[in-house]
């Protein structure tokens, strides 16, 4: 009988810990500073040489011109909204 009580206590402890974890991750949706909030997120991709958020032949042209001119490119990230 004692082993059953230990198992029950262990299972209840795991369920409580899991419930607290789930609440911590998804419970507070009004907190925009939480790590779960992705509003306004934007992926920065190397290779987007002209900053238009598309990797295409225009980027290749910019990179080839920079190589021919011997200049270093600085990242251009679109601040679009």
PDB file of N, CA and C in Angstrom:
ATOM      1  N   UNK A   1       0.823  -1.197   0.000  1.00  0.00           N
ATOM      2  CA  UNK A   1       0.000   0.000   0.000  1.00  0.00           C
ATOM      3  C   UNK A   1       0.863   1.256   0.000  1.00  0.00           C
ATOM      4  N   UNK A   2       2.035   1.197   0.636  1.00  0.00           N
ATOM      5  CA  UNK A   2       2.898   2.362   0.726  1.00  0.00           C
ATOM      6  C   UNK A   2       3.455   2.751  -0.641  1.00  0.00           C
ATOM      7  N   UNK A   3       3.766   1.767  -1.490  1.00  0.00           N
ATOM      8  CA  UNK A   3       4.289   2.052  -2.828  1.00  0.00           C
ATOM      9  C   UNK A   3       3.238   2.762  -3.672  1.00  0.00           C
ATOM     10  N   UNK A   4       1.973   2.366  -3.543  1.00  0.00           N
ATOM     11  CA  UNK A   4       0.903   3.016  -4.300  1.00  0.00           C
ATOM     12  C   UNK A   4       0.789   4.472  -3.903  1.00  0.00           C
ATOM     13  N   UNK A   5       0.914   4.773  -2.639  1.00  0.00           N
ATOM     14  CA  UNK A   5       0.831   6.157  -2.160  1.00  0.00           C
ATOM     15  C   UNK A   5       1.989   6.976  -2.716  1.00  0.00           C
ATOM     16  N   UNK A   6       3.170   6.400  -2.768  1.00  0.00           N
ATOM     17  CA  UNK A   6       4.332   7.102  -3.314  1.00  0.00           C
ATOM     18  C   UNK A   6       4.125   7.382  -4.802  1.00  0.00           C
ATOM     19  N   UNK A   7       3.606   6.402  -5.536  1.00  0.00           N
ATOM     20  CA  UNK A   7       3.330   6.590  -6.962  1.00  0.00           C
ATOM     21  C   UNK A   7       2.291   7.687  -7.183  1.00  0.00           C
ATOM     22  N   UNK A   8       1.253   7.681  -6.375  1.00  0.00           N
ATOM     23  CA  UNK A   8       0.197   8.693  -6.515  1.00  0.00           C
ATOM     24  C   UNK A   8       0.769  10.083  -6.240  1.00  0.00           C
ATOM     25  N   UNK A   9       1.565  10.220  -5.188  1.00  0.00           N
ATOM     26  CA  UNK A   9       2.176  11.515  -4.871  1.00  0.00           C
ATOM     27  C   UNK A   9       3.101  11.952  -6.001  1.00  0.00           C
ATOM     28  N   UNK A  10       3.874  11.043  -6.555  1.00  0.00           N
ATOM     29  CA  UNK A  10       4.789  11.371  -7.650  1.00  0.00           C
ATOM     30  C   UNK A  10       4.018  11.822  -8.891  1.00  0.00           C
ATOM     31  N   UNK A  11       2.947  11.131  -9.211  1.00  0.00           N
ATOM     32  CA  UNK A  11       2.142  11.492 -10.384  1.00  0.00           C
ATOM     33  C   UNK A  11       1.501  12.855 -10.188  1.00  0.00           C
ATOM     34  N   UNK A  12       0.967  13.104  -9.004  1.00  0.00           N
ATOM     35  CA  UNK A  12       0.348  14.406  -8.716  1.00  0.00           C
ATOM     36  C   UNK A  12       1.405  15.511  -8.816  1.00  0.00           C
ATOM     37  N   UNK A  13       2.604  15.270  -8.302  1.00  0.00           N
ATOM     38  CA  UNK A  13       3.667  16.275  -8.379  1.00  0.00           C
ATOM     39  C   UNK A  13       4.039  16.582  -9.827  1.00  0.00           C
ATOM     40  N   UNK A  14       4.128  15.565 -10.665  1.00  0.00           N
ATOM     41  CA  UNK A  14       4.442  15.767 -12.082  1.00  0.00           C
ATOM     42  C   UNK A  14       3.336  16.557 -12.770  1.00  0.00           C
ATOM     43  N   UNK A  15       2.097  16.233 -12.500  1.00  0.00           N
ATOM     44  CA  UNK A  15       0.979  16.949 -13.111  1.00  0.00           C
ATOM     45  C   UNK A  15       0.939  18.410 -12.676  1.00  0.00           C
ATOM     46  N   UNK A  16       1.207  18.668 -11.407  1.00  0.00           N
ATOM     47  CA  UNK A  16       1.229  20.052 -10.927  1.00  0.00           C
ATOM     48  C   UNK A  16       2.370  20.822 -11.597  1.00  0.00           C
ATOM     49  N   UNK A  17       3.540  20.225 -11.666  1.00  0.00           N
ATOM     50  CA  UNK A  17       4.685  20.887 -12.306  1.00  0.00           C
ATOM     51  C   UNK A  17       4.408  21.162 -13.783  1.00  0.00           C
ATOM     52  N   UNK A  18       3.794  20.212 -14.460  1.00  0.00           N
ATOM     53  CA  UNK A  18       3.461  20.402 -15.878  1.00  0.00           C
ATOM     54  C   UNK A  18       2.427  21.510 -16.046  1.00  0.00           C
ATOM     55  N   UNK A  19       1.450  21.562 -15.166  1.00  0.00           N
ATOM     56  CA  UNK A  19       0.418  22.607 -15.240  1.00  0.00           C
ATOM     57  C   UNK A  19       1.024  23.984 -15.027  1.00  0.00           C
ATOM     58  N   UNK A  20       1.923  24.101 -14.074  1.00  0.00           N
ATOM     59  CA  UNK A  20       2.584  25.381 -13.824  1.00  0.00           C
ATOM     60  C   UNK A  20       3.428  25.777 -15.036  1.00  0.00           C
ATOM     61  N   UNK A  21       4.112  24.826 -15.633  1.00  0.00           N
ATOM     62  CA  UNK A  21       4.907  25.109 -16.819  1.00  0.00           C
ATOM     63  C   UNK A  21       4.068  25.587 -17.986  1.00  0.00           C
ATOM     64  N   UNK A  22       2.955  24.934 -18.228  1.00  0.00           N
ATOM     65  CA  UNK A  22       2.054  25.339 -19.315  1.00  0.00           C
ATOM     66  C   UNK A  22       1.509  26.728 -19.055  1.00  0.00           C
ATOM     67  N   UNK A  23       1.103  27.003 -17.830  1.00  0.00           N
ATOM     68  CA  UNK A  23       0.583  28.332 -17.499  1.00  0.00           C
ATOM     69  C   UNK A  23       1.656  29.397 -17.701  1.00  0.00           C
ATOM     70  N   UNK A  24       2.882  29.102 -17.321  1.00  0.00           N
ATOM     71  CA  UNK A  24       3.960  30.072 -17.458  1.00  0.00           C
ATOM     72  C   UNK A  24       4.236  30.389 -18.925  1.00  0.00           C
ATOM     73  N   UNK A  25       4.075  29.418 -19.793  1.00  0.00           N
ATOM     74  CA  UNK A  25       4.367  29.633 -21.204  1.00  0.00           C
ATOM     75  C   UNK A  25       3.222  30.332 -21.931  1.00  0.00           C
ATOM     76  N   UNK A  26       1.996  29.912 -21.689  1.00  0.00           N
ATOM     77  CA  UNK A  26       0.871  30.449 -22.459  1.00  0.00           C
ATOM     78  C   UNK A  26      -0.144  31.213 -21.633  1.00  0.00           C
ATOM     79  N   UNK A  27       0.040  31.313 -20.362  1.00  0.00           N
ATOM     80  CA  UNK A  27      -0.983  31.890 -19.499  1.00  0.00           C
ATOM     81  C   UNK A  27      -1.133  33.385 -19.588  1.00  0.00           C
ATOM     82  N   UNK A  28      -0.055  34.144 -19.811  1.00  0.00           N
ATOM     83  CA  UNK A  28      -0.126  35.598 -19.763  1.00  0.00           C
ATOM     84  C   UNK A  28       0.028  36.168 -21.167  1.00  0.00           C
ATOM     85  N   UNK A  29      -1.046  36.266 -21.901  1.00  0.00           N
ATOM     86  CA  UNK A  29      -1.000  36.723 -23.284  1.00  0.00           C
ATOM     87  C   UNK A  29      -0.934  38.244 -23.401  1.00  0.00           C
ATOM     88  N   UNK A  30      -1.189  38.987 -22.318  1.00  0.00           N
ATOM     89  CA  UNK A  30      -1.145  40.447 -22.371  1.00  0.00           C
ATOM     90  C   UNK A  30       0.268  40.997 -22.233  1.00  0.00           C
ATOM     91  N   UNK A  31       1.218  40.188 -21.854  1.00  0.00           N
ATOM     92  CA  UNK A  31       2.594  40.625 -21.634  1.00  0.00           C
ATOM     93  C   UNK A  31       3.354  40.578 -22.955  1.00  0.00           C
ATOM     94  N   UNK A  32       3.494  41.745 -23.625  1.00  0.00           N
ATOM     95  CA  UNK A  32       4.153  41.777 -24.931  1.00  0.00           C
ATOM     96  C   UNK A  32       5.661  41.626 -24.814  1.00  0.00           C
ATOM     97  N   UNK A  33       6.202  41.749 -23.609  1.00  0.00           N
ATOM     98  CA  UNK A  33       7.640  41.597 -23.428  1.00  0.00           C
ATOM     99  C   UNK A  33       8.039  40.157 -23.148  1.00  0.00           C
ATOM    100  N   UNK A  34       7.074  39.259 -23.100  1.00  0.00           N
ATOM    101  CA  UNK A  34       7.388  37.875 -22.793  1.00  0.00           C
ATOM    102  C   UNK A  34       8.062  37.226 -24.001  1.00  0.00           C
ATOM    103  N   UNK A  35       8.904  36.228 -23.775  1.00  0.00           N
ATOM    104  CA  UNK A  35       9.571  35.562 -24.888  1.00  0.00           C
ATOM    105  C   UNK A  35       8.611  34.904 -25.875  1.00  0.00           C
ATOM    106  N   UNK A  36       7.382  34.601 -25.453  1.00  0.00           N
ATOM    107  CA  UNK A  36       6.426  33.957 -26.334  1.00  0.00           C
ATOM    108  C   UNK A  36       5.845  34.933 -27.355  1.00  0.00           C
ATOM    109  N   UNK A  37       6.013  36.236 -27.152  1.00  0.00           N
ATOM    110  CA  UNK A  37       5.473  37.244 -28.056  1.00  0.00           C
ATOM    111  C   UNK A  37       6.392  37.412 -29.258  1.00  0.00           C
ATOM    112  N   UNK A  38       5.865  37.276 -30.456  1.00  0.00           N
ATOM    113  CA  UNK A  38       6.654  37.419 -31.675  1.00  0.00           C
ATOM    114  C   UNK A  38       6.171  38.597 -32.519  1.00  0.00           C
ATOM    115  N   UNK A  39       5.375  39.487 -31.939  1.00  0.00           N
ATOM    116  CA  UNK A  39       4.839  40.615 -32.679  1.00  0.00           C
ATOM    117  C   UNK A  39       5.973  41.512 -33.164  1.00  0.00           C
ATOM    118  N   UNK A  40       5.987  41.814 -34.431  1.00  0.00           N
ATOM    119  CA  UNK A  40       7.003  42.680 -35.009  1.00  0.00           C
ATOM    120  C   UNK A  40       8.332  41.993 -35.278  1.00  0.00           C
ATOM    121  N   UNK A  41       8.387  40.680 -35.133  1.00  0.00           N
ATOM    122  CA  UNK A  41       9.644  39.961 -35.353  1.00  0.00           C
ATOM    123  C   UNK A  41       9.956  39.922 -36.842  1.00  0.00           C
ATOM    124  N   UNK A  42      11.237  39.982 -37.159  1.00  0.00           N
ATOM    125  CA  UNK A  42      11.661  39.940 -38.553  1.00  0.00           C
ATOM    126  C   UNK A  42      12.955  39.150 -38.631  1.00  0.00           C
ATOM    127  N   UNK A  43      13.062  38.269 -39.596  1.00  0.00           N
ATOM    128  CA  UNK A  43      14.248  37.446 -39.779  1.00  0.00           C
ATOM    129  C   UNK A  43      15.266  38.214 -40.608  1.00  0.00           C
ATOM    130  N   UNK A  44      16.470  38.312 -40.092  1.00  0.00           N
ATOM    131  CA  UNK A  44      17.555  38.960 -40.816  1.00  0.00           C
ATOM    132  C   UNK A  44      18.345  37.872 -41.532  1.00  0.00           C
ATOM    133  N   UNK A  45      18.445  37.955 -42.858  1.00  0.00           N
ATOM    134  CA  UNK A  45      19.099  36.913 -43.647  1.00  0.00           C
ATOM    135  C   UNK A  45      20.308  37.495 -44.356  1.00  0.00           C
ATOM    136  N   UNK A  46      21.475  36.886 -44.119  1.00  0.00           N
ATOM    137  CA  UNK A  46      22.666  37.306 -44.850  1.00  0.00           C
ATOM    138  C   UNK A  46      22.510  36.901 -46.314  1.00  0.00           C
ATOM    139  N   UNK A  47      22.913  37.783 -47.190  1.00  0.00           N
ATOM    140  CA  UNK A  47      22.751  37.539 -48.616  1.00  0.00           C
ATOM    141  C   UNK A  47      21.748  38.494 -49.225  1.00  0.00           C
ATOM    142  N   UNK A  48      20.968  39.147 -48.395  1.00  0.00           N
ATOM    143  CA  UNK A  48      20.014  40.145 -48.853  1.00  0.00           C
ATOM    144  C   UNK A  48      20.770  41.470 -48.957  1.00  0.00           C
ATOM    145  N   UNK A  49      21.611  41.590 -49.982  1.00  0.00           N
ATOM    146  CA  UNK A  49      22.561  42.696 -50.084  1.00  0.00           C
ATOM    147  C   UNK A  49      21.911  44.052 -50.321  1.00  0.00           C
ATOM    148  N   UNK A  50      20.751  44.086 -50.955  1.00  0.00           N
ATOM    149  CA  UNK A  50      20.126  45.378 -51.236  1.00  0.00           C
ATOM    150  C   UNK A  50      19.007  45.738 -50.257  1.00  0.00           C
ATOM    151  N   UNK A  51      18.717  44.883 -49.291  1.00  0.00           N
ATOM    152  CA  UNK A  51      17.769  45.219 -48.229  1.00  0.00           C
ATOM    153  C   UNK A  51      16.307  45.173 -48.612  1.00  0.00           C
ATOM    154  N   UNK A  52      15.965  44.516 -49.721  1.00  0.00           N
ATOM    155  CA  UNK A  52      14.560  44.483 -50.139  1.00  0.00           C
ATOM    156  C   UNK A  52      13.794  43.272 -49.612  1.00  0.00           C
ATOM    157  N   UNK A  53      14.406  42.507 -48.690  1.00  0.00           N
ATOM    158  CA  UNK A  53      13.792  41.350 -48.045  1.00  0.00           C
ATOM    159  C   UNK A  53      13.589  40.166 -48.983  1.00  0.00           C
ATOM    160  N   UNK A  54      14.247  40.187 -50.146  1.00  0.00           N
ATOM    161  CA  UNK A  54      14.164  39.088 -51.109  1.00  0.00           C
ATOM    162  C   UNK A  54      15.581  38.787 -51.578  1.00  0.00           C
ATOM    163  N   UNK A  55      15.940  37.514 -51.591  1.00  0.00           N
ATOM    164  CA  UNK A  55      17.243  37.139 -52.130  1.00  0.00           C
ATOM    165  C   UNK A  55      17.027  36.728 -53.577  1.00  0.00           C
ATOM    166  N   UNK A  56      17.595  37.527 -54.496  1.00  0.00           N
ATOM    167  CA  UNK A  56      17.396  37.288 -55.917  1.00  0.00           C
ATOM    168  C   UNK A  56      18.624  37.755 -56.695  1.00  0.00           C
ATOM    169  N   UNK A  57      18.492  37.855 -58.006  1.00  0.00           N
ATOM    170  CA  UNK A  57      19.632  38.234 -58.850  1.00  0.00           C
ATOM    171  C   UNK A  57      20.079  39.674 -58.590  1.00  0.00           C
ATOM    172  N   UNK A  58      19.203  40.519 -58.073  1.00  0.00           N
ATOM    173  CA  UNK A  58      19.609  41.898 -57.748  1.00  0.00           C
ATOM    174  C   UNK A  58      20.657  41.896 -56.640  1.00  0.00           C
ATOM    175  N   UNK A  59      20.525  40.973 -55.705  1.00  0.00           N
ATOM    176  CA  UNK A  59      21.516  40.856 -54.634  1.00  0.00           C
ATOM    177  C   UNK A  59      22.859  40.394 -55.192  1.00  0.00           C
ATOM    178  N   UNK A  60      22.818  39.467 -56.134  1.00  0.00           N
ATOM    179  CA  UNK A  60      24.050  38.989 -56.761  1.00  0.00           C
ATOM    180  C   UNK A  60      24.759  40.145 -57.469  1.00  0.00           C
ATOM    181  N   UNK A  61      23.985  40.987 -58.154  1.00  0.00           N
ATOM    182  CA  UNK A  61      24.569  42.139 -58.846  1.00  0.00           C
ATOM    183  C   UNK A  61      25.256  43.078 -57.853  1.00  0.00           C
ATOM    184  N   UNK A  62      24.624  43.336 -56.718  1.00  0.00           N
ATOM    185  CA  UNK A  62      25.203  44.218 -55.698  1.00  0.00           C
ATOM    186  C   UNK A  62      26.492  43.612 -55.144  1.00  0.00           C
ATOM    187  N   UNK A  63      26.468  42.311 -54.856  1.00  0.00           N
ATOM    188  CA  UNK A  63      27.651  41.634 -54.302  1.00  0.00           C
ATOM    189  C   UNK A  63      28.790  41.618 -55.317  1.00  0.00           C
ATOM    190  N   UNK A  64      28.489  41.298 -56.588  1.00  0.00           N
ATOM    191  CA  UNK A  64      29.528  41.276 -57.615  1.00  0.00           C
ATOM    192  C   UNK A  64      30.133  42.662 -57.825  1.00  0.00           C
ATOM    193  N   UNK A  65      29.320  43.710 -57.789  1.00  0.00           N
ATOM    194  CA  UNK A  65      29.831  45.079 -57.936  1.00  0.00           C
ATOM    195  C   UNK A  65      30.739  45.430 -56.770  1.00  0.00           C
ATOM    196  N   UNK A  66      30.357  45.028 -55.561  1.00  0.00           N
ATOM    197  CA  UNK A  66      31.192  45.301 -54.387  1.00  0.00           C
ATOM    198  C   UNK A  66      32.533  44.576 -54.497  1.00  0.00           C
ATOM    199  N   UNK A  67      32.521  43.353 -55.012  1.00  0.00           N
ATOM    200  CA  UNK A  67      33.769  42.598 -55.193  1.00  0.00           C
ATOM    201  C   UNK A  67      34.639  43.281 -56.238  1.00  0.00           C
ATOM    202  N   UNK A  68      34.033  43.678 -57.371  1.00  0.00           N
ATOM    203  CA  UNK A  68      34.791  44.345 -58.435  1.00  0.00           C
ATOM    204  C   UNK A  68      35.386  45.667 -57.960  1.00  0.00           C
ATOM    205  N   UNK A  69      34.626  46.409 -57.135  1.00  0.00           N
ATOM    206  CA  UNK A  69      35.091  47.715 -56.643  1.00  0.00           C
ATOM    207  C   UNK A  69      36.006  47.573 -55.431  1.00  0.00           C
ATOM    208  N   UNK A  70      36.069  46.383 -54.846  1.00  0.00           N
ATOM    209  CA  UNK A  70      36.916  46.160 -53.679  1.00  0.00           C
ATOM    210  C   UNK A  70      36.409  46.831 -52.418  1.00  0.00           C
ATOM    211  N   UNK A  71      35.095  46.930 -52.281  1.00  0.00           N
ATOM    212  CA  UNK A  71      34.513  47.560 -51.084  1.00  0.00           C
ATOM    213  C   UNK A  71      33.789  46.514 -50.250  1.00  0.00           C
ATOM    214  N   UNK A  72      33.680  46.796 -48.958  1.00  0.00           N
ATOM    215  CA  UNK A  72      32.950  45.908 -48.050  1.00  0.00           C
ATOM    216  C   UNK A  72      31.491  46.362 -47.974  1.00  0.00           C
ATOM    217  N   UNK A  73      30.610  45.406 -47.967  1.00  0.00           N
ATOM    218  CA  UNK A  73      29.182  45.722 -47.835  1.00  0.00           C
ATOM    219  C   UNK A  73      28.800  45.778 -46.360  1.00  0.00           C
ATOM    220  N   UNK A  74      27.947  46.723 -46.034  1.00  0.00           N
ATOM    221  CA  UNK A  74      27.384  46.779 -44.704  1.00  0.00           C
ATOM    222  C   UNK A  74      25.969  46.223 -44.786  1.00  0.00           C
ATOM    223  N   UNK A  75      25.512  45.513 -43.757  1.00  0.00           N
ATOM    224  CA  UNK A  75      24.154  44.933 -43.794  1.00  0.00           C
ATOM    225  C   UNK A  75      23.103  46.028 -43.961  1.00  0.00           C
ATOM    226  N   UNK A  76      22.158  45.766 -44.847  1.00  0.00           N
ATOM    227  CA  UNK A  76      21.014  46.657 -45.030  1.00  0.00           C
ATOM    228  C   UNK A  76      19.777  45.855 -44.686  1.00  0.00           C
ATOM    229  N   UNK A  77      19.160  46.216 -43.597  1.00  0.00           N
ATOM    230  CA  UNK A  77      17.948  45.517 -43.194  1.00  0.00           C
ATOM    231  C   UNK A  77      16.762  46.440 -43.376  1.00  0.00           C
ATOM    232  N   UNK A  78      15.728  45.933 -43.958  1.00  0.00           N
ATOM    233  CA  UNK A  78      14.517  46.708 -44.195  1.00  0.00           C
ATOM    234  C   UNK A  78      13.811  46.992 -42.888  1.00  0.00           C
ATOM    235  N   UNK A  79      13.439  48.213 -42.655  1.00  0.00           N
ATOM    236  CA  UNK A  79      12.652  48.580 -41.482  1.00  0.00           C
ATOM    237  C   UNK A  79      11.214  48.794 -41.919  1.00  0.00           C
ATOM    238  N   UNK A  80      10.684  47.846 -42.656  1.00  0.00           N
ATOM    239  CA  UNK A  80       9.335  47.958 -43.229  1.00  0.00           C
ATOM    240  C   UNK A  80       8.268  47.674 -42.181  1.00  0.00           C
ATOM    241  N   UNK A  81       7.162  48.288 -42.329  1.00  0.00           N
ATOM    242  CA  UNK A  81       5.992  48.038 -41.464  1.00  0.00           C
ATOM    243  C   UNK A  81       4.756  48.155 -42.289  1.00  0.00           C
TER     244      UNK A  81
END
